[in-house]
N, C-alpha and C. Protein backbone atom coordinates (compact mmCIF):
# COMPACT_ATOMS: atom_id res chain seq x y z
N UNK A 1 -36.50 22.73 15.13
CA UNK A 1 -36.20 22.37 13.75
C UNK A 1 -34.71 22.55 13.46
N UNK A 2 -34.22 23.71 13.90
CA UNK A 2 -32.81 24.01 13.67
C UNK A 2 -31.92 22.97 14.34
N UNK A 3 -32.33 22.54 15.55
CA UNK A 3 -31.56 21.54 16.29
C UNK A 3 -31.50 20.23 15.51
N UNK A 4 -32.63 19.84 14.94
CA UNK A 4 -32.67 18.59 14.19
C UNK A 4 -31.83 18.68 12.91
N UNK A 5 -31.85 19.84 12.27
CA UNK A 5 -31.04 20.03 11.07
C UNK A 5 -29.56 19.93 11.40
N UNK A 6 -29.16 20.51 12.53
CA UNK A 6 -27.76 20.44 12.95
C UNK A 6 -27.35 19.00 13.24
N UNK A 7 -28.26 18.26 13.91
CA UNK A 7 -27.98 16.86 14.22
C UNK A 7 -27.86 16.03 12.95
N UNK A 8 -28.79 16.29 12.00
CA UNK A 8 -28.77 15.55 10.74
C UNK A 8 -27.48 15.83 9.98
N UNK A 9 -27.06 17.10 9.98
CA UNK A 9 -25.83 17.47 9.29
C UNK A 9 -24.62 16.80 9.94
N UNK A 10 -24.61 16.76 11.27
CA UNK A 10 -23.50 16.13 11.99
C UNK A 10 -23.42 14.64 11.67
N UNK A 11 -24.58 13.98 11.63
CA UNK A 11 -24.61 12.55 11.29
C UNK A 11 -24.15 12.33 9.86
N UNK A 12 -24.58 13.24 8.97
CA UNK A 12 -24.16 13.14 7.57
C UNK A 12 -22.64 13.23 7.46
N UNK A 13 -22.05 14.17 8.19
CA UNK A 13 -20.59 14.32 8.15
C UNK A 13 -19.90 13.08 8.67
N UNK A 14 -20.44 12.48 9.73
CA UNK A 14 -19.83 11.27 10.29
C UNK A 14 -19.87 10.14 9.28
N UNK A 15 -21.03 9.97 8.62
CA UNK A 15 -21.16 8.89 7.63
C UNK A 15 -20.24 9.12 6.46
N UNK A 16 -20.27 10.34 5.90
CA UNK A 16 -19.45 10.64 4.72
C UNK A 16 -17.98 10.55 5.03
N UNK A 17 -17.57 11.17 6.13
CA UNK A 17 -16.16 11.12 6.51
C UNK A 17 -15.74 9.70 6.81
N UNK A 18 -16.62 8.94 7.47
CA UNK A 18 -16.30 7.54 7.75
C UNK A 18 -16.05 6.75 6.49
N UNK A 19 -16.85 7.03 5.45
CA UNK A 19 -16.65 6.35 4.18
C UNK A 19 -15.34 6.77 3.54
N UNK A 20 -15.01 8.05 3.63
CA UNK A 20 -13.80 8.55 2.99
C UNK A 20 -12.55 7.99 3.65
N UNK A 21 -12.54 7.92 4.99
CA UNK A 21 -11.31 7.58 5.67
C UNK A 21 -11.23 6.12 6.10
N UNK A 22 -12.23 5.31 5.81
CA UNK A 22 -12.08 3.88 6.00
C UNK A 22 -10.86 3.45 5.21
N UNK A 23 -9.93 2.75 5.87
CA UNK A 23 -8.66 2.46 5.19
C UNK A 23 -8.87 1.65 3.92
N UNK A 24 -9.81 0.70 3.94
CA UNK A 24 -10.07 -0.08 2.72
C UNK A 24 -10.71 0.77 1.62
N UNK A 25 -11.66 1.64 1.99
CA UNK A 25 -12.29 2.52 1.01
C UNK A 25 -11.26 3.47 0.40
N UNK A 26 -10.37 3.97 1.24
CA UNK A 26 -9.31 4.86 0.76
C UNK A 26 -8.41 4.13 -0.23
N UNK A 27 -7.99 2.91 0.13
CA UNK A 27 -7.12 2.12 -0.75
C UNK A 27 -7.82 1.82 -2.07
N UNK A 28 -9.12 1.56 -2.02
CA UNK A 28 -9.85 1.31 -3.26
C UNK A 28 -9.73 2.48 -4.23
N UNK A 29 -9.69 3.69 -3.68
CA UNK A 29 -9.60 4.86 -4.55
C UNK A 29 -8.19 5.11 -5.05
N UNK A 30 -7.19 4.92 -4.19
CA UNK A 30 -5.84 5.35 -4.57
C UNK A 30 -4.94 4.20 -5.05
N UNK A 31 -5.41 2.96 -4.98
CA UNK A 31 -4.57 1.84 -5.43
C UNK A 31 -4.24 1.95 -6.91
N UNK A 32 -5.01 2.73 -7.65
CA UNK A 32 -4.75 2.92 -9.07
C UNK A 32 -3.37 3.54 -9.32
N UNK A 33 -2.83 4.23 -8.32
CA UNK A 33 -1.51 4.84 -8.47
C UNK A 33 -0.40 3.78 -8.51
N UNK A 34 -0.68 2.59 -7.98
CA UNK A 34 0.34 1.55 -7.90
C UNK A 34 0.02 0.32 -8.74
N UNK A 35 -1.27 -0.03 -8.85
CA UNK A 35 -1.68 -1.28 -9.50
C UNK A 35 -2.10 -1.01 -10.93
N UNK A 36 -1.60 -1.83 -11.85
CA UNK A 36 -1.94 -1.72 -13.26
C UNK A 36 -3.46 -1.84 -13.43
N UNK A 37 -4.06 -0.88 -14.12
CA UNK A 37 -5.52 -0.88 -14.29
C UNK A 37 -6.01 -2.07 -15.10
N UNK A 38 -5.11 -2.70 -15.86
CA UNK A 38 -5.50 -3.84 -16.67
C UNK A 38 -5.56 -5.15 -15.91
N UNK A 39 -5.09 -5.15 -14.65
CA UNK A 39 -5.10 -6.37 -13.85
C UNK A 39 -6.54 -6.73 -13.47
N UNK A 40 -6.87 -8.00 -13.59
CA UNK A 40 -8.19 -8.46 -13.13
C UNK A 40 -8.17 -8.76 -11.64
N UNK A 41 -6.97 -8.90 -11.07
CA UNK A 41 -6.78 -9.15 -9.64
C UNK A 41 -5.35 -8.76 -9.29
N UNK A 42 -5.07 -8.66 -8.00
CA UNK A 42 -3.67 -8.49 -7.58
C UNK A 42 -3.51 -9.06 -6.17
N UNK A 43 -2.31 -9.57 -5.91
CA UNK A 43 -1.99 -10.11 -4.60
C UNK A 43 -1.55 -8.98 -3.68
N UNK A 44 -2.12 -8.95 -2.49
CA UNK A 44 -1.82 -7.92 -1.50
C UNK A 44 -1.45 -8.58 -0.18
N UNK A 45 -0.31 -8.20 0.38
CA UNK A 45 0.04 -8.69 1.72
C UNK A 45 -1.08 -8.31 2.69
N UNK A 46 -1.53 -9.29 3.47
CA UNK A 46 -2.66 -9.01 4.37
C UNK A 46 -2.28 -8.11 5.54
N UNK A 47 -0.99 -7.87 5.74
CA UNK A 47 -0.56 -7.00 6.83
C UNK A 47 -0.62 -5.54 6.40
N UNK A 48 -1.37 -4.74 7.12
CA UNK A 48 -1.43 -3.30 6.89
C UNK A 48 -0.43 -2.66 7.84
N UNK A 49 0.79 -2.56 7.38
CA UNK A 49 1.87 -2.13 8.27
C UNK A 49 1.90 -0.61 8.42
N UNK A 50 2.59 -0.08 9.45
CA UNK A 50 2.64 1.37 9.64
C UNK A 50 3.37 2.06 8.48
N UNK A 51 2.94 3.26 8.15
CA UNK A 51 3.58 4.05 7.11
C UNK A 51 4.99 4.45 7.56
N UNK A 52 5.85 4.73 6.60
CA UNK A 52 7.24 5.09 6.90
C UNK A 52 7.43 6.59 7.16
N UNK A 53 6.40 7.38 7.00
CA UNK A 53 6.54 8.83 7.05
C UNK A 53 6.62 9.34 8.50
N UNK A 54 7.63 8.85 9.23
CA UNK A 54 7.81 9.28 10.62
C UNK A 54 8.76 10.47 10.71
N UNK A 55 9.71 10.49 9.80
CA UNK A 55 10.66 11.60 9.75
C UNK A 55 10.80 12.03 8.30
N UNK A 56 11.13 13.29 8.09
CA UNK A 56 11.31 13.76 6.73
C UNK A 56 12.24 14.97 6.74
N UNK A 57 12.87 15.20 5.63
CA UNK A 57 13.71 16.37 5.43
C UNK A 57 12.89 17.38 4.61
N UNK A 58 12.45 18.44 5.24
CA UNK A 58 11.55 19.38 4.58
C UNK A 58 12.18 19.97 3.32
N UNK A 59 13.45 20.33 3.40
CA UNK A 59 14.11 20.92 2.23
C UNK A 59 14.17 19.94 1.07
N UNK A 60 14.43 18.66 1.38
CA UNK A 60 14.48 17.65 0.32
C UNK A 60 13.11 17.44 -0.31
N UNK A 61 12.07 17.43 0.52
CA UNK A 61 10.71 17.27 0.00
C UNK A 61 10.35 18.42 -0.95
N UNK A 62 10.66 19.63 -0.54
CA UNK A 62 10.36 20.80 -1.36
C UNK A 62 11.14 20.75 -2.67
N UNK A 63 12.38 20.33 -2.59
CA UNK A 63 13.26 20.36 -3.76
C UNK A 63 12.94 19.27 -4.77
N UNK A 64 12.62 18.05 -4.28
CA UNK A 64 12.53 16.91 -5.18
C UNK A 64 11.15 16.27 -5.30
N UNK A 65 10.33 16.36 -4.27
CA UNK A 65 9.16 15.48 -4.21
C UNK A 65 7.81 16.15 -4.36
N UNK A 66 7.64 17.34 -3.85
CA UNK A 66 6.31 17.93 -3.79
C UNK A 66 5.94 18.65 -5.08
N UNK A 67 4.73 18.38 -5.55
CA UNK A 67 4.22 19.05 -6.75
C UNK A 67 3.58 20.40 -6.41
N UNK A 68 3.28 20.60 -5.15
CA UNK A 68 2.74 21.87 -4.69
C UNK A 68 3.19 22.09 -3.26
N UNK A 69 3.17 23.33 -2.83
CA UNK A 69 3.62 23.65 -1.48
C UNK A 69 2.64 23.07 -0.45
N UNK A 70 3.20 22.45 0.57
CA UNK A 70 2.41 21.89 1.66
C UNK A 70 2.91 22.52 2.95
N UNK A 71 2.03 23.11 3.75
CA UNK A 71 2.48 23.74 5.00
C UNK A 71 3.21 22.74 5.90
N UNK A 72 4.24 23.23 6.56
CA UNK A 72 5.04 22.36 7.43
C UNK A 72 4.19 21.73 8.53
N UNK A 73 3.20 22.46 9.04
CA UNK A 73 2.37 21.90 10.11
C UNK A 73 1.56 20.70 9.63
N UNK A 74 1.20 20.68 8.34
CA UNK A 74 0.47 19.54 7.77
C UNK A 74 1.39 18.32 7.75
N UNK A 75 2.61 18.50 7.28
CA UNK A 75 3.57 17.39 7.23
C UNK A 75 3.88 16.89 8.64
N UNK A 76 4.03 17.81 9.57
CA UNK A 76 4.30 17.42 10.96
C UNK A 76 3.13 16.63 11.56
N UNK A 77 1.91 17.05 11.24
CA UNK A 77 0.74 16.34 11.76
C UNK A 77 0.67 14.92 11.21
N UNK A 78 0.91 14.77 9.92
CA UNK A 78 0.90 13.43 9.31
C UNK A 78 2.00 12.56 9.92
N UNK A 79 3.17 13.15 10.10
CA UNK A 79 4.29 12.41 10.69
C UNK A 79 3.97 11.97 12.12
N UNK A 80 3.33 12.84 12.87
CA UNK A 80 2.95 12.52 14.25
C UNK A 80 1.94 11.38 14.29
N UNK A 81 0.97 11.41 13.39
CA UNK A 81 -0.03 10.34 13.34
C UNK A 81 0.60 9.00 12.98
N UNK A 82 1.56 9.03 12.07
CA UNK A 82 2.27 7.80 11.71
C UNK A 82 3.02 7.26 12.92
N UNK A 83 3.71 8.15 13.63
CA UNK A 83 4.49 7.74 14.79
C UNK A 83 3.61 7.10 15.86
N UNK A 84 2.41 7.65 16.04
CA UNK A 84 1.51 7.15 17.09
C UNK A 84 0.79 5.86 16.71
N UNK A 85 0.74 5.55 15.42
CA UNK A 85 -0.02 4.40 14.94
C UNK A 85 0.93 3.23 14.71
N UNK A 86 1.21 2.46 15.75
CA UNK A 86 2.21 1.40 15.65
C UNK A 86 1.65 0.00 15.87
N UNK A 87 0.37 -0.13 16.17
CA UNK A 87 -0.21 -1.44 16.47
C UNK A 87 -0.31 -2.29 15.20
N UNK A 88 -0.27 -3.61 15.38
CA UNK A 88 -0.45 -4.52 14.25
C UNK A 88 -1.86 -4.36 13.69
N UNK A 89 -1.96 -4.47 12.37
CA UNK A 89 -3.26 -4.34 11.72
C UNK A 89 -3.25 -5.12 10.42
N UNK A 90 -4.44 -5.56 10.01
CA UNK A 90 -4.55 -6.37 8.80
C UNK A 90 -5.71 -5.86 7.95
N UNK A 91 -5.55 -6.01 6.64
CA UNK A 91 -6.62 -5.62 5.73
C UNK A 91 -7.80 -6.57 5.87
N UNK A 92 -9.00 -6.05 5.72
CA UNK A 92 -10.20 -6.88 5.78
C UNK A 92 -10.40 -7.53 4.41
N UNK A 93 -10.30 -8.84 4.36
CA UNK A 93 -10.42 -9.57 3.10
C UNK A 93 -11.77 -9.30 2.44
N UNK A 94 -11.74 -9.05 1.15
CA UNK A 94 -12.96 -8.80 0.40
C UNK A 94 -13.37 -7.35 0.35
N UNK A 95 -12.70 -6.47 1.10
CA UNK A 95 -13.08 -5.06 1.14
C UNK A 95 -12.29 -4.20 0.15
N UNK A 96 -11.22 -4.77 -0.42
CA UNK A 96 -10.40 -4.02 -1.37
C UNK A 96 -10.61 -4.62 -2.76
N UNK A 97 -11.05 -3.81 -3.68
CA UNK A 97 -11.39 -4.27 -5.02
C UNK A 97 -10.21 -4.98 -5.69
N UNK A 98 -10.48 -6.16 -6.24
CA UNK A 98 -9.51 -6.96 -7.01
C UNK A 98 -8.40 -7.56 -6.16
N UNK A 99 -8.31 -7.20 -4.88
CA UNK A 99 -7.20 -7.66 -4.05
C UNK A 99 -7.45 -9.07 -3.51
N UNK A 100 -6.42 -9.90 -3.59
CA UNK A 100 -6.41 -11.20 -2.93
C UNK A 100 -5.39 -11.09 -1.80
N UNK A 101 -5.88 -11.01 -0.58
CA UNK A 101 -5.00 -10.81 0.57
C UNK A 101 -4.33 -12.14 0.94
N UNK A 102 -3.01 -12.12 1.05
CA UNK A 102 -2.26 -13.34 1.34
C UNK A 102 -1.25 -13.10 2.45
N UNK A 103 -0.89 -14.19 3.13
CA UNK A 103 0.08 -14.13 4.22
C UNK A 103 1.48 -14.47 3.77
N UNK A 104 2.39 -14.59 4.74
CA UNK A 104 3.82 -14.72 4.44
C UNK A 104 4.15 -15.94 3.59
N UNK A 105 3.59 -17.12 3.91
CA UNK A 105 3.90 -18.32 3.14
C UNK A 105 3.43 -18.21 1.70
N UNK A 106 2.24 -17.65 1.50
CA UNK A 106 1.72 -17.48 0.14
C UNK A 106 2.52 -16.43 -0.63
N UNK A 107 2.96 -15.39 0.08
CA UNK A 107 3.80 -14.37 -0.56
C UNK A 107 5.07 -15.00 -1.09
N UNK A 108 5.68 -15.83 -0.28
CA UNK A 108 6.92 -16.49 -0.71
C UNK A 108 6.68 -17.39 -1.91
N UNK A 109 5.57 -18.09 -1.92
CA UNK A 109 5.29 -19.00 -3.04
C UNK A 109 5.03 -18.23 -4.33
N UNK A 110 4.50 -17.00 -4.22
CA UNK A 110 4.28 -16.17 -5.41
C UNK A 110 5.61 -15.62 -5.93
N UNK A 111 6.42 -15.10 -5.03
CA UNK A 111 7.65 -14.43 -5.43
C UNK A 111 8.80 -15.39 -5.71
N UNK A 112 8.76 -16.57 -5.10
CA UNK A 112 9.82 -17.55 -5.29
C UNK A 112 9.20 -18.94 -5.36
N UNK A 113 8.60 -19.27 -6.50
CA UNK A 113 7.85 -20.53 -6.61
C UNK A 113 8.71 -21.77 -6.44
N UNK A 114 10.02 -21.63 -6.61
CA UNK A 114 10.91 -22.78 -6.49
C UNK A 114 11.42 -22.98 -5.07
N UNK A 115 10.96 -22.13 -4.13
CA UNK A 115 11.49 -22.19 -2.77
C UNK A 115 11.26 -23.56 -2.13
N UNK A 116 10.04 -24.08 -2.23
CA UNK A 116 9.72 -25.36 -1.62
C UNK A 116 10.54 -26.49 -2.24
N UNK A 117 10.75 -26.41 -3.55
CA UNK A 117 11.53 -27.44 -4.24
C UNK A 117 12.98 -27.42 -3.77
N UNK A 118 13.50 -26.25 -3.54
CA UNK A 118 14.90 -26.09 -3.12
C UNK A 118 15.19 -26.87 -1.84
N UNK A 119 14.20 -26.95 -0.95
CA UNK A 119 14.39 -27.62 0.33
C UNK A 119 13.68 -28.97 0.40
N UNK A 120 13.38 -29.52 -0.76
CA UNK A 120 12.75 -30.86 -0.82
C UNK A 120 13.86 -31.92 -0.81
N UNK A 121 14.13 -32.49 0.36
CA UNK A 121 15.25 -33.43 0.51
C UNK A 121 14.91 -34.83 0.03
N UNK A 122 13.68 -35.02 -0.46
CA UNK A 122 13.33 -36.32 -1.03
C UNK A 122 13.86 -36.45 -2.46
N UNK A 123 14.34 -35.34 -3.02
CA UNK A 123 14.84 -35.34 -4.39
C UNK A 123 16.36 -35.40 -4.41
N UNK A 124 16.89 -36.01 -5.45
CA UNK A 124 18.34 -35.96 -5.66
C UNK A 124 18.69 -34.57 -6.18
N UNK A 125 19.96 -34.23 -6.14
CA UNK A 125 20.37 -32.92 -6.64
C UNK A 125 19.96 -32.73 -8.10
N UNK A 126 20.13 -33.77 -8.91
CA UNK A 126 19.76 -33.69 -10.32
C UNK A 126 18.26 -33.49 -10.49
N UNK A 127 17.45 -34.24 -9.72
CA UNK A 127 16.00 -34.10 -9.78
C UNK A 127 15.57 -32.71 -9.32
N UNK A 128 16.25 -32.23 -8.28
CA UNK A 128 15.91 -30.91 -7.74
C UNK A 128 16.18 -29.82 -8.78
N UNK A 129 17.33 -29.90 -9.42
CA UNK A 129 17.69 -28.90 -10.43
C UNK A 129 16.68 -28.89 -11.58
N UNK A 130 16.29 -30.07 -12.02
CA UNK A 130 15.32 -30.17 -13.12
C UNK A 130 13.96 -29.60 -12.71
N UNK A 131 13.53 -29.93 -11.49
CA UNK A 131 12.23 -29.47 -11.02
C UNK A 131 12.22 -27.96 -10.82
N UNK A 132 13.31 -27.42 -10.30
CA UNK A 132 13.42 -25.97 -10.13
C UNK A 132 13.33 -25.27 -11.48
N UNK A 133 14.07 -25.79 -12.44
CA UNK A 133 14.06 -25.20 -13.78
C UNK A 133 12.66 -25.24 -14.39
N UNK A 134 11.97 -26.37 -14.23
CA UNK A 134 10.63 -26.53 -14.77
C UNK A 134 9.65 -25.60 -14.06
N UNK A 135 9.78 -25.49 -12.73
CA UNK A 135 8.89 -24.63 -11.94
C UNK A 135 9.05 -23.17 -12.33
N UNK A 136 10.28 -22.73 -12.48
CA UNK A 136 10.55 -21.33 -12.85
C UNK A 136 10.06 -21.04 -14.26
N UNK A 137 10.25 -21.99 -15.17
CA UNK A 137 9.78 -21.81 -16.55
C UNK A 137 8.27 -21.64 -16.58
N UNK A 138 7.55 -22.43 -15.79
CA UNK A 138 6.10 -22.33 -15.73
C UNK A 138 5.68 -21.00 -15.10
N UNK A 139 6.41 -20.58 -14.08
CA UNK A 139 6.11 -19.31 -13.39
C UNK A 139 6.28 -18.13 -14.34
N UNK A 140 7.31 -18.16 -15.16
CA UNK A 140 7.58 -17.05 -16.07
C UNK A 140 6.50 -16.88 -17.13
N UNK A 141 5.74 -17.93 -17.39
CA UNK A 141 4.66 -17.86 -18.38
C UNK A 141 3.36 -17.31 -17.80
N UNK A 142 3.31 -17.16 -16.50
CA UNK A 142 2.09 -16.66 -15.88
C UNK A 142 1.88 -15.19 -16.22
N UNK A 143 0.63 -14.71 -16.14
CA UNK A 143 0.38 -13.27 -16.34
C UNK A 143 1.11 -12.46 -15.27
N UNK A 144 1.47 -11.23 -15.61
CA UNK A 144 2.22 -10.39 -14.69
C UNK A 144 1.51 -10.21 -13.36
N UNK A 145 0.18 -10.15 -13.38
CA UNK A 145 -0.58 -9.93 -12.15
C UNK A 145 -0.42 -11.08 -11.16
N UNK A 146 0.02 -12.25 -11.64
CA UNK A 146 0.20 -13.41 -10.77
C UNK A 146 1.64 -13.56 -10.28
N UNK A 147 2.50 -12.60 -10.64
CA UNK A 147 3.91 -12.68 -10.26
C UNK A 147 4.35 -11.52 -9.36
N UNK A 148 3.40 -10.67 -9.00
CA UNK A 148 3.70 -9.53 -8.14
C UNK A 148 2.93 -9.64 -6.83
N UNK A 149 3.51 -9.06 -5.79
CA UNK A 149 2.80 -8.92 -4.52
C UNK A 149 2.92 -7.46 -4.10
N UNK A 150 1.80 -6.88 -3.72
CA UNK A 150 1.77 -5.48 -3.27
C UNK A 150 1.75 -5.42 -1.74
N UNK A 151 2.34 -4.35 -1.23
CA UNK A 151 2.39 -4.11 0.21
C UNK A 151 1.96 -2.66 0.44
N UNK A 152 0.82 -2.47 1.08
CA UNK A 152 0.31 -1.12 1.34
C UNK A 152 0.33 -0.85 2.84
N UNK A 153 0.83 0.32 3.20
CA UNK A 153 0.79 0.69 4.61
C UNK A 153 -0.60 1.20 4.97
N UNK A 154 -0.82 1.35 6.26
CA UNK A 154 -2.06 2.00 6.70
C UNK A 154 -1.97 3.48 6.32
N UNK A 155 -3.04 4.04 5.78
CA UNK A 155 -3.03 5.48 5.49
C UNK A 155 -3.17 6.28 6.78
N UNK A 156 -2.62 7.46 6.78
CA UNK A 156 -2.81 8.40 7.88
C UNK A 156 -3.36 9.71 7.30
N UNK A 157 -4.19 10.38 8.09
CA UNK A 157 -4.89 11.57 7.61
C UNK A 157 -4.68 12.73 8.59
N UNK A 158 -4.79 13.93 8.06
CA UNK A 158 -4.87 15.09 8.95
C UNK A 158 -6.25 15.11 9.59
N UNK A 159 -6.39 15.86 10.64
CA UNK A 159 -7.65 15.87 11.39
C UNK A 159 -8.82 16.35 10.55
N UNK A 160 -8.56 17.21 9.58
CA UNK A 160 -9.64 17.70 8.72
C UNK A 160 -9.84 16.80 7.50
N UNK A 161 -9.08 15.72 7.42
CA UNK A 161 -9.20 14.74 6.33
C UNK A 161 -8.94 15.33 4.95
N UNK A 162 -8.14 16.38 4.91
CA UNK A 162 -7.82 16.99 3.62
C UNK A 162 -6.48 16.50 3.05
N UNK A 163 -5.65 15.91 3.91
CA UNK A 163 -4.35 15.39 3.47
C UNK A 163 -4.19 13.96 3.98
N UNK A 164 -3.45 13.17 3.22
CA UNK A 164 -3.20 11.78 3.62
C UNK A 164 -1.81 11.36 3.17
N UNK A 165 -1.31 10.32 3.81
CA UNK A 165 -0.01 9.76 3.44
C UNK A 165 -0.11 8.24 3.52
N UNK A 166 0.54 7.55 2.58
CA UNK A 166 0.50 6.09 2.54
C UNK A 166 1.70 5.58 1.76
N UNK A 167 2.21 4.41 2.14
CA UNK A 167 3.24 3.72 1.37
C UNK A 167 2.58 2.76 0.40
N UNK A 168 3.00 2.77 -0.85
CA UNK A 168 2.54 1.82 -1.86
C UNK A 168 3.77 1.11 -2.40
N UNK A 169 3.84 -0.18 -2.15
CA UNK A 169 5.03 -0.96 -2.48
C UNK A 169 4.62 -2.19 -3.26
N UNK A 170 5.50 -2.67 -4.13
CA UNK A 170 5.28 -3.98 -4.74
C UNK A 170 6.61 -4.71 -4.85
N UNK A 171 6.54 -6.02 -4.89
CA UNK A 171 7.72 -6.86 -5.06
C UNK A 171 7.47 -7.84 -6.19
N UNK A 172 8.52 -8.11 -6.96
CA UNK A 172 8.41 -9.11 -8.02
C UNK A 172 9.40 -10.26 -7.81
N UNK A 173 10.15 -10.23 -6.73
CA UNK A 173 10.95 -11.37 -6.28
C UNK A 173 11.31 -11.14 -4.82
N UNK A 174 12.12 -12.02 -4.26
CA UNK A 174 12.46 -11.90 -2.84
C UNK A 174 13.72 -11.07 -2.61
N UNK A 175 14.24 -10.46 -3.66
CA UNK A 175 15.52 -9.76 -3.54
C UNK A 175 15.36 -8.26 -3.80
N UNK A 176 15.79 -7.79 -4.96
CA UNK A 176 15.83 -6.35 -5.20
C UNK A 176 14.71 -5.85 -6.09
N UNK A 177 13.98 -6.74 -6.74
CA UNK A 177 12.99 -6.30 -7.72
C UNK A 177 11.74 -5.75 -7.03
N UNK A 178 11.42 -4.51 -7.32
CA UNK A 178 10.23 -3.91 -6.73
C UNK A 178 10.36 -2.41 -6.65
N UNK A 179 9.36 -1.80 -6.04
CA UNK A 179 9.38 -0.35 -5.90
C UNK A 179 8.63 0.03 -4.64
N UNK A 180 9.23 0.94 -3.87
CA UNK A 180 8.58 1.47 -2.67
C UNK A 180 8.50 2.98 -2.79
N UNK A 181 7.32 3.52 -2.64
CA UNK A 181 7.14 4.96 -2.66
C UNK A 181 6.13 5.36 -1.59
N UNK A 182 6.37 6.52 -1.01
CA UNK A 182 5.41 7.10 -0.07
C UNK A 182 4.66 8.21 -0.81
N UNK A 183 3.34 8.13 -0.77
CA UNK A 183 2.51 9.09 -1.50
C UNK A 183 1.90 10.09 -0.52
N UNK A 184 2.05 11.36 -0.84
CA UNK A 184 1.32 12.42 -0.16
C UNK A 184 0.15 12.81 -1.04
N UNK A 185 -1.04 12.91 -0.44
CA UNK A 185 -2.25 13.19 -1.22
C UNK A 185 -3.07 14.29 -0.58
N UNK A 186 -3.78 15.00 -1.43
CA UNK A 186 -4.70 16.05 -0.95
C UNK A 186 -6.07 15.80 -1.55
N UNK A 187 -7.10 16.00 -0.73
CA UNK A 187 -8.47 15.83 -1.21
C UNK A 187 -8.86 17.04 -2.05
N UNK A 188 -9.19 16.79 -3.31
CA UNK A 188 -9.47 17.86 -4.25
C UNK A 188 -10.82 17.59 -4.91
N UNK A 189 -11.84 18.35 -4.49
CA UNK A 189 -13.21 18.18 -5.01
C UNK A 189 -13.67 16.72 -4.89
N UNK A 190 -13.42 16.14 -3.72
CA UNK A 190 -13.91 14.80 -3.44
C UNK A 190 -13.03 13.67 -3.95
N UNK A 191 -11.92 13.99 -4.63
CA UNK A 191 -11.01 12.97 -5.15
C UNK A 191 -9.62 13.18 -4.58
N UNK A 192 -8.93 12.07 -4.32
CA UNK A 192 -7.57 12.18 -3.79
C UNK A 192 -6.59 12.41 -4.92
N UNK A 193 -5.82 13.47 -4.78
CA UNK A 193 -4.84 13.90 -5.78
C UNK A 193 -3.43 13.73 -5.22
N UNK A 194 -2.55 13.13 -5.99
CA UNK A 194 -1.15 12.97 -5.56
C UNK A 194 -0.45 14.32 -5.63
N UNK A 195 0.14 14.73 -4.51
CA UNK A 195 0.88 16.00 -4.50
C UNK A 195 2.35 15.78 -4.19
N UNK A 196 2.73 14.53 -3.98
CA UNK A 196 4.14 14.23 -3.75
C UNK A 196 4.37 12.73 -3.73
N UNK A 197 5.45 12.29 -4.36
CA UNK A 197 5.86 10.89 -4.32
C UNK A 197 7.29 10.86 -3.81
N UNK A 198 7.49 10.20 -2.69
CA UNK A 198 8.77 10.26 -1.97
C UNK A 198 9.50 8.94 -2.10
N UNK A 199 10.75 9.00 -2.52
CA UNK A 199 11.56 7.79 -2.63
C UNK A 199 12.09 7.40 -1.27
N UNK A 200 12.58 6.15 -1.11
CA UNK A 200 13.07 5.68 0.20
C UNK A 200 14.14 6.56 0.83
N UNK A 201 14.95 7.23 0.01
CA UNK A 201 16.01 8.04 0.56
C UNK A 201 15.56 9.36 1.15
N UNK A 202 14.28 9.69 1.00
CA UNK A 202 13.80 11.00 1.43
C UNK A 202 12.96 10.96 2.69
N UNK A 203 12.67 9.76 3.21
CA UNK A 203 11.95 9.65 4.47
C UNK A 203 12.70 8.69 5.36
N UNK A 204 12.47 8.82 6.69
CA UNK A 204 13.17 7.96 7.61
C UNK A 204 12.37 6.74 7.97
């Protein structure tokens, strides 16, 4: 009986932990930190790229970024997992709530709707200018959720699944508009809690 109870408990842990650390399930829980809750949908780059948390300055993190003390070995473990996880990966379409996963061409059309018109050589310069102006004017009237593209890295976890790290980024044009932050999170009573938000200058 005891053997069966141990086996059942082990299977339970595998199922529960599997649900917690599935990258799409994890993103479903923590995307609220980046995506406006009022959005009915959002565009997400289909590439789940590696997280940027490969190197860090511990003193800078303590001074500027962390809301609570995090043991150095935890940060080192997360950094090591990021370093080791370099293979190409993509989000599973339909597994992330409200997300519409799109590729590079669609991303460009969202962030720069006049791009195709700019290189349309069937138009005269005057026609091109008018069409670009009209295209941009129509784009500016769209809801905000249709003018942003989000970019989420693959999350990485400590072996005990109590800490995680992920990049949450968005762009609103092809140039400087947007925000990139690396989030450090701790599992607190079954919910992921932000314990640090790191700006680009604080990680390598």
